[in-house]
Amino acid sequence: QLQLVESGGGLVQAGGSLRLSCAASGSIVSTNAMGWYRQAPGKQRELVAAITRGGSTNYADSVKGRFTISRANAKNTVYLQMNSLKPEDTGVYYCNADILSTGRGRSYWGQGTQVTVSS
């Protein structure tokens, strides 16, 4: 059973930092693009950051200069370092990955991890 498991969420004061991790496990041939999305209460899920297998990155304007996405291909893992956190960063953060498994490739989602930033 292929799955993505996230960790690292929690409660932090404004200006603080958190590091999220997401590890893919199962019958994986290769992990291609990976990314982090977030969903705040009453809002649609939005892209926070994405990274290709080769390391090219893309960020939402609201997090540029504060968040850094990285990955470890050998571990099928993606990370999100979040610095200078703001209350508006609060939400459930979801990991997403395009994975080629035995016989097929598709997009997978993690279960989500809560990030709460207090003012």
N, C-alpha and C. Protein backbone atom coordinates (compact mmCIF):
# COMPACT_ATOMS: atom_id res chain seq x y z
N GLN A 1 0.84 -1.19 0.00
CA GLN A 1 0.00 0.00 0.00
C GLN A 1 0.87 1.23 0.00
N LEU A 2 0.81 2.01 -1.07
CA LEU A 2 1.63 3.20 -1.17
C LEU A 2 0.98 4.32 -0.35
N GLN A 3 1.76 5.04 0.44
CA GLN A 3 1.21 6.11 1.24
C GLN A 3 2.24 7.20 1.50
N LEU A 4 1.72 8.39 1.84
CA LEU A 4 2.55 9.51 2.25
C LEU A 4 2.25 9.78 3.72
N VAL A 5 3.30 9.89 4.52
CA VAL A 5 3.13 10.14 5.95
C VAL A 5 3.83 11.43 6.32
N GLU A 6 3.05 12.37 6.84
CA GLU A 6 3.57 13.69 7.21
C GLU A 6 3.86 13.76 8.70
N SER A 7 4.77 14.65 9.06
CA SER A 7 5.06 14.90 10.46
C SER A 7 5.63 16.31 10.60
N GLY A 8 5.62 16.82 11.84
CA GLY A 8 6.26 18.10 12.11
C GLY A 8 5.35 19.27 12.37
N GLY A 9 4.06 19.09 12.24
CA GLY A 9 3.14 20.19 12.52
C GLY A 9 3.07 20.47 14.01
N GLY A 10 2.35 21.54 14.36
CA GLY A 10 2.18 21.87 15.77
C GLY A 10 1.76 23.30 15.97
N LEU A 11 1.90 23.74 17.22
CA LEU A 11 1.54 25.11 17.61
C LEU A 11 2.81 25.90 17.84
N VAL A 12 2.87 27.09 17.26
CA VAL A 12 4.06 27.93 17.40
C VAL A 12 3.62 29.39 17.44
N GLN A 13 4.41 30.21 18.11
CA GLN A 13 4.12 31.64 18.16
C GLN A 13 4.56 32.32 16.87
N ALA A 14 3.93 33.43 16.57
CA ALA A 14 4.32 34.21 15.40
C ALA A 14 5.81 34.53 15.47
N GLY A 15 6.48 34.39 14.32
CA GLY A 15 7.92 34.59 14.26
C GLY A 15 8.72 33.33 14.46
N GLY A 16 8.07 32.27 14.87
CA GLY A 16 8.75 31.01 15.11
C GLY A 16 8.93 30.19 13.85
N SER A 17 9.45 28.97 14.04
CA SER A 17 9.75 28.10 12.91
C SER A 17 9.21 26.69 13.16
N LEU A 18 8.91 26.01 12.07
CA LEU A 18 8.55 24.61 12.09
C LEU A 18 9.14 23.95 10.85
N ARG A 19 9.39 22.65 10.94
CA ARG A 19 9.86 21.89 9.80
C ARG A 19 8.94 20.70 9.61
N LEU A 20 8.33 20.64 8.42
CA LEU A 20 7.46 19.54 8.05
C LEU A 20 8.24 18.51 7.23
N SER A 21 7.89 17.25 7.44
CA SER A 21 8.48 16.17 6.65
C SER A 21 7.37 15.31 6.08
N CYS A 22 7.62 14.74 4.92
CA CYS A 22 6.66 13.84 4.29
C CYS A 22 7.43 12.73 3.60
N ALA A 23 7.18 11.50 4.04
CA ALA A 23 7.88 10.35 3.48
C ALA A 23 6.90 9.46 2.73
N ALA A 24 7.29 9.10 1.52
CA ALA A 24 6.49 8.16 0.73
C ALA A 24 7.03 6.76 0.94
N SER A 25 6.12 5.80 1.07
CA SER A 25 6.54 4.42 1.26
C SER A 25 5.62 3.49 0.48
N GLY A 26 6.14 2.31 0.16
CA GLY A 26 5.37 1.35 -0.61
C GLY A 26 6.15 0.93 -1.84
N SER A 27 5.44 0.43 -2.84
CA SER A 27 6.07 -0.05 -4.08
C SER A 27 6.33 1.13 -5.01
N ILE A 28 7.44 1.80 -4.79
CA ILE A 28 7.77 3.02 -5.52
C ILE A 28 8.87 2.75 -6.53
N VAL A 29 8.59 3.12 -7.78
CA VAL A 29 9.62 3.04 -8.82
C VAL A 29 10.40 4.35 -8.83
N SER A 30 9.67 5.46 -8.85
CA SER A 30 10.31 6.77 -8.77
C SER A 30 9.31 7.80 -8.26
N THR A 31 9.84 8.79 -7.56
CA THR A 31 9.02 9.90 -7.08
C THR A 31 9.39 11.14 -7.86
N ASN A 32 8.44 11.72 -8.53
CA ASN A 32 8.70 12.87 -9.39
C ASN A 32 8.40 14.17 -8.64
N ALA A 33 7.54 15.03 -9.15
CA ALA A 33 7.27 16.29 -8.47
C ALA A 33 6.64 16.03 -7.11
N MET A 34 7.07 16.83 -6.12
CA MET A 34 6.50 16.76 -4.77
C MET A 34 6.16 18.18 -4.33
N GLY A 35 5.20 18.30 -3.44
CA GLY A 35 4.83 19.64 -3.00
C GLY A 35 4.05 19.66 -1.71
N TRP A 36 3.85 20.86 -1.22
CA TRP A 36 3.06 21.10 -0.02
C TRP A 36 1.92 22.06 -0.36
N TYR A 37 0.74 21.69 0.10
CA TYR A 37 -0.44 22.53 -0.02
C TYR A 37 -0.94 22.82 1.40
N ARG A 38 -1.77 23.85 1.52
CA ARG A 38 -2.39 24.11 2.81
C ARG A 38 -3.84 24.55 2.62
N GLN A 39 -4.60 24.30 3.65
CA GLN A 39 -6.01 24.69 3.61
C GLN A 39 -6.37 25.31 4.95
N ALA A 40 -6.72 26.59 4.90
CA ALA A 40 -7.17 27.30 6.09
C ALA A 40 -8.68 27.11 6.24
N PRO A 41 -9.20 27.27 7.44
CA PRO A 41 -10.65 27.11 7.65
C PRO A 41 -11.45 28.03 6.74
N GLY A 42 -12.40 27.45 6.03
CA GLY A 42 -13.26 28.22 5.15
C GLY A 42 -12.65 28.62 3.83
N LYS A 43 -11.44 28.15 3.56
CA LYS A 43 -10.75 28.51 2.32
C LYS A 43 -10.42 27.28 1.49
N GLN A 44 -10.12 27.51 0.22
CA GLN A 44 -9.73 26.41 -0.64
C GLN A 44 -8.28 26.02 -0.39
N ARG A 45 -7.98 24.79 -0.72
CA ARG A 45 -6.60 24.31 -0.62
C ARG A 45 -5.75 25.06 -1.64
N GLU A 46 -4.56 25.50 -1.22
CA GLU A 46 -3.69 26.26 -2.10
C GLU A 46 -2.27 25.68 -2.08
N LEU A 47 -1.58 25.87 -3.19
CA LEU A 47 -0.19 25.43 -3.28
C LEU A 47 0.68 26.35 -2.44
N VAL A 48 1.55 25.75 -1.63
CA VAL A 48 2.52 26.51 -0.86
C VAL A 48 3.88 26.48 -1.54
N ALA A 49 4.33 25.28 -1.89
CA ALA A 49 5.64 25.13 -2.53
C ALA A 49 5.70 23.78 -3.23
N ALA A 50 6.49 23.73 -4.29
CA ALA A 50 6.66 22.49 -5.04
C ALA A 50 8.11 22.36 -5.47
N ILE A 51 8.52 21.11 -5.70
CA ILE A 51 9.90 20.86 -6.11
C ILE A 51 9.92 19.68 -7.06
N THR A 52 10.68 19.81 -8.15
CA THR A 52 10.83 18.72 -9.09
C THR A 52 11.88 17.74 -8.61
N ARG A 53 11.97 16.61 -9.26
CA ARG A 53 12.96 15.63 -8.88
C ARG A 53 14.38 16.21 -9.03
N GLY A 54 14.53 17.10 -10.00
CA GLY A 54 15.83 17.71 -10.24
C GLY A 54 16.16 18.87 -9.31
N GLY A 55 15.17 19.29 -8.50
CA GLY A 55 15.44 20.33 -7.51
C GLY A 55 14.92 21.72 -7.85
N SER A 56 14.24 21.87 -8.98
CA SER A 56 13.64 23.17 -9.29
C SER A 56 12.46 23.41 -8.36
N THR A 57 12.35 24.65 -7.86
CA THR A 57 11.33 24.96 -6.87
C THR A 57 10.38 26.05 -7.34
N ASN A 58 9.21 26.07 -6.72
CA ASN A 58 8.19 27.06 -6.99
C ASN A 58 7.49 27.36 -5.67
N TYR A 59 7.27 28.65 -5.38
CA TYR A 59 6.66 29.05 -4.11
C TYR A 59 5.48 29.98 -4.34
N ALA A 60 4.51 29.92 -3.43
CA ALA A 60 3.46 30.92 -3.40
C ALA A 60 4.08 32.25 -3.00
N ASP A 61 3.56 33.33 -3.54
CA ASP A 61 4.13 34.64 -3.24
C ASP A 61 4.12 34.93 -1.74
N SER A 62 3.11 34.42 -1.05
CA SER A 62 2.95 34.74 0.37
C SER A 62 4.02 34.09 1.26
N VAL A 63 4.75 33.11 0.73
CA VAL A 63 5.74 32.42 1.56
C VAL A 63 7.17 32.61 1.05
N LYS A 64 7.33 33.27 -0.08
CA LYS A 64 8.68 33.47 -0.62
C LYS A 64 9.57 34.20 0.38
N GLY A 65 10.77 33.69 0.54
CA GLY A 65 11.71 34.29 1.47
C GLY A 65 11.57 33.79 2.89
N ARG A 66 10.50 33.06 3.19
CA ARG A 66 10.28 32.54 4.55
C ARG A 66 10.30 31.02 4.59
N PHE A 67 9.79 30.38 3.56
CA PHE A 67 9.70 28.92 3.51
C PHE A 67 10.72 28.38 2.50
N THR A 68 11.23 27.19 2.80
CA THR A 68 12.14 26.52 1.89
C THR A 68 11.73 25.06 1.75
N ILE A 69 11.52 24.63 0.51
CA ILE A 69 11.20 23.24 0.23
C ILE A 69 12.46 22.53 -0.23
N SER A 70 12.62 21.29 0.21
CA SER A 70 13.75 20.49 -0.21
C SER A 70 13.32 19.02 -0.24
N ARG A 71 14.19 18.17 -0.76
CA ARG A 71 13.82 16.75 -0.84
C ARG A 71 15.06 15.87 -0.78
N ALA A 72 14.83 14.64 -0.39
CA ALA A 72 15.87 13.62 -0.39
C ALA A 72 15.36 12.48 -1.26
N ASN A 73 15.82 12.43 -2.49
CA ASN A 73 15.28 11.47 -3.46
C ASN A 73 15.48 10.02 -3.01
N ALA A 74 16.61 9.74 -2.41
CA ALA A 74 16.89 8.38 -1.98
C ALA A 74 15.94 7.91 -0.89
N LYS A 75 15.37 8.87 -0.17
CA LYS A 75 14.43 8.54 0.92
C LYS A 75 12.98 8.80 0.52
N ASN A 76 12.75 9.23 -0.73
CA ASN A 76 11.39 9.58 -1.18
C ASN A 76 10.71 10.51 -0.18
N THR A 77 11.46 11.51 0.26
CA THR A 77 10.99 12.41 1.31
C THR A 77 11.10 13.86 0.86
N VAL A 78 10.12 14.65 1.24
CA VAL A 78 10.11 16.08 0.97
C VAL A 78 9.97 16.82 2.30
N TYR A 79 10.62 17.97 2.39
CA TYR A 79 10.63 18.76 3.61
C TYR A 79 10.11 20.18 3.32
N LEU A 80 9.60 20.82 4.35
CA LEU A 80 9.22 22.23 4.24
C LEU A 80 9.70 22.92 5.51
N GLN A 81 10.73 23.74 5.36
CA GLN A 81 11.22 24.54 6.47
C GLN A 81 10.47 25.86 6.46
N MET A 82 9.79 26.14 7.57
CA MET A 82 8.96 27.34 7.65
C MET A 82 9.52 28.26 8.73
N ASN A 83 9.97 29.43 8.32
CA ASN A 83 10.52 30.42 9.23
C ASN A 83 9.66 31.67 9.24
N SER A 84 9.84 32.50 10.26
CA SER A 84 9.09 33.76 10.37
C SER A 84 7.59 33.53 10.17
N LEU A 85 7.08 32.55 10.86
CA LEU A 85 5.68 32.17 10.68
C LEU A 85 4.74 33.28 11.12
N LYS A 86 3.63 33.37 10.41
CA LYS A 86 2.60 34.38 10.67
C LYS A 86 1.28 33.69 10.99
N PRO A 87 0.39 34.34 11.70
CA PRO A 87 -0.92 33.73 11.98
C PRO A 87 -1.65 33.29 10.71
N GLU A 88 -1.47 34.01 9.62
CA GLU A 88 -2.13 33.63 8.37
C GLU A 88 -1.54 32.38 7.72
N ASP A 89 -0.48 31.84 8.29
CA ASP A 89 0.06 30.56 7.81
C ASP A 89 -0.67 29.38 8.44
N THR A 90 -1.55 29.65 9.37
CA THR A 90 -2.31 28.59 10.04
C THR A 90 -3.17 27.81 9.06
N GLY A 91 -3.18 26.50 9.22
CA GLY A 91 -3.99 25.65 8.38
C GLY A 91 -3.52 24.20 8.45
N VAL A 92 -4.19 23.35 7.70
CA VAL A 92 -3.76 21.97 7.56
C VAL A 92 -2.86 21.89 6.33
N TYR A 93 -1.69 21.36 6.52
CA TYR A 93 -0.70 21.24 5.45
C TYR A 93 -0.70 19.82 4.92
N TYR A 94 -0.84 19.71 3.61
CA TYR A 94 -0.90 18.41 2.94
C TYR A 94 0.29 18.23 2.02
N CYS A 95 0.85 17.06 2.06
CA CYS A 95 1.92 16.69 1.15
C CYS A 95 1.30 16.06 -0.11
N ASN A 96 1.89 16.33 -1.25
CA ASN A 96 1.44 15.76 -2.52
C ASN A 96 2.65 15.27 -3.29
N ALA A 97 2.51 14.13 -3.95
CA ALA A 97 3.63 13.61 -4.73
C ALA A 97 3.12 12.87 -5.96
N ASP A 98 3.81 13.06 -7.07
CA ASP A 98 3.55 12.30 -8.29
C ASP A 98 4.48 11.10 -8.27
N ILE A 99 3.91 9.93 -8.13
CA ILE A 99 4.70 8.72 -7.91
C ILE A 99 4.43 7.69 -8.98
N LEU A 100 5.51 7.14 -9.51
CA LEU A 100 5.41 6.01 -10.42
C LEU A 100 5.56 4.74 -9.59
N SER A 101 4.47 4.00 -9.52
CA SER A 101 4.49 2.75 -8.78
C SER A 101 4.53 1.60 -9.77
N THR A 102 4.44 0.38 -9.28
CA THR A 102 4.49 -0.78 -10.16
C THR A 102 3.31 -0.73 -11.12
N GLY A 103 3.59 -0.48 -12.39
CA GLY A 103 2.55 -0.52 -13.41
C GLY A 103 1.80 0.78 -13.65
N ARG A 104 1.93 1.79 -12.77
CA ARG A 104 1.16 3.01 -12.98
C ARG A 104 1.79 4.19 -12.26
N GLY A 105 1.39 5.40 -12.72
CA GLY A 105 1.82 6.61 -12.05
C GLY A 105 0.63 7.51 -11.78
N ARG A 106 0.61 8.09 -10.59
CA ARG A 106 -0.46 9.02 -10.28
C ARG A 106 -0.07 9.90 -9.12
N SER A 107 -0.97 10.82 -8.77
CA SER A 107 -0.74 11.74 -7.67
C SER A 107 -1.29 11.17 -6.37
N TYR A 108 -0.50 11.32 -5.31
CA TYR A 108 -0.90 10.85 -3.99
C TYR A 108 -0.91 12.02 -3.00
N TRP A 109 -1.78 11.89 -1.98
CA TRP A 109 -1.89 12.91 -0.94
C TRP A 109 -1.62 12.29 0.43
N GLY A 110 -1.01 13.09 1.30
CA GLY A 110 -0.88 12.70 2.69
C GLY A 110 -2.16 13.02 3.45
N GLN A 111 -2.17 12.65 4.72
CA GLN A 111 -3.38 12.82 5.52
C GLN A 111 -3.52 14.22 6.09
N GLY A 112 -2.45 15.00 6.02
CA GLY A 112 -2.49 16.38 6.52
C GLY A 112 -1.93 16.50 7.92
N THR A 113 -1.29 17.63 8.17
CA THR A 113 -0.77 17.92 9.51
C THR A 113 -1.12 19.36 9.86
N GLN A 114 -1.59 19.58 11.07
CA GLN A 114 -2.07 20.90 11.48
C GLN A 114 -0.92 21.79 11.88
N VAL A 115 -0.94 23.00 11.35
CA VAL A 115 0.01 24.04 11.75
C VAL A 115 -0.81 25.21 12.28
N THR A 116 -0.54 25.61 13.52
CA THR A 116 -1.25 26.72 14.13
C THR A 116 -0.24 27.75 14.61
N VAL A 117 -0.40 28.98 14.13
CA VAL A 117 0.51 30.07 14.50
C VAL A 117 -0.28 31.08 15.32
N SER A 118 0.12 31.26 16.56
CA SER A 118 -0.57 32.20 17.43
C SER A 118 0.07 33.58 17.38
N SER A 119 -0.77 34.59 17.55
CA SER A 119 -0.27 35.98 17.48
C SER A 119 0.20 36.47 18.83
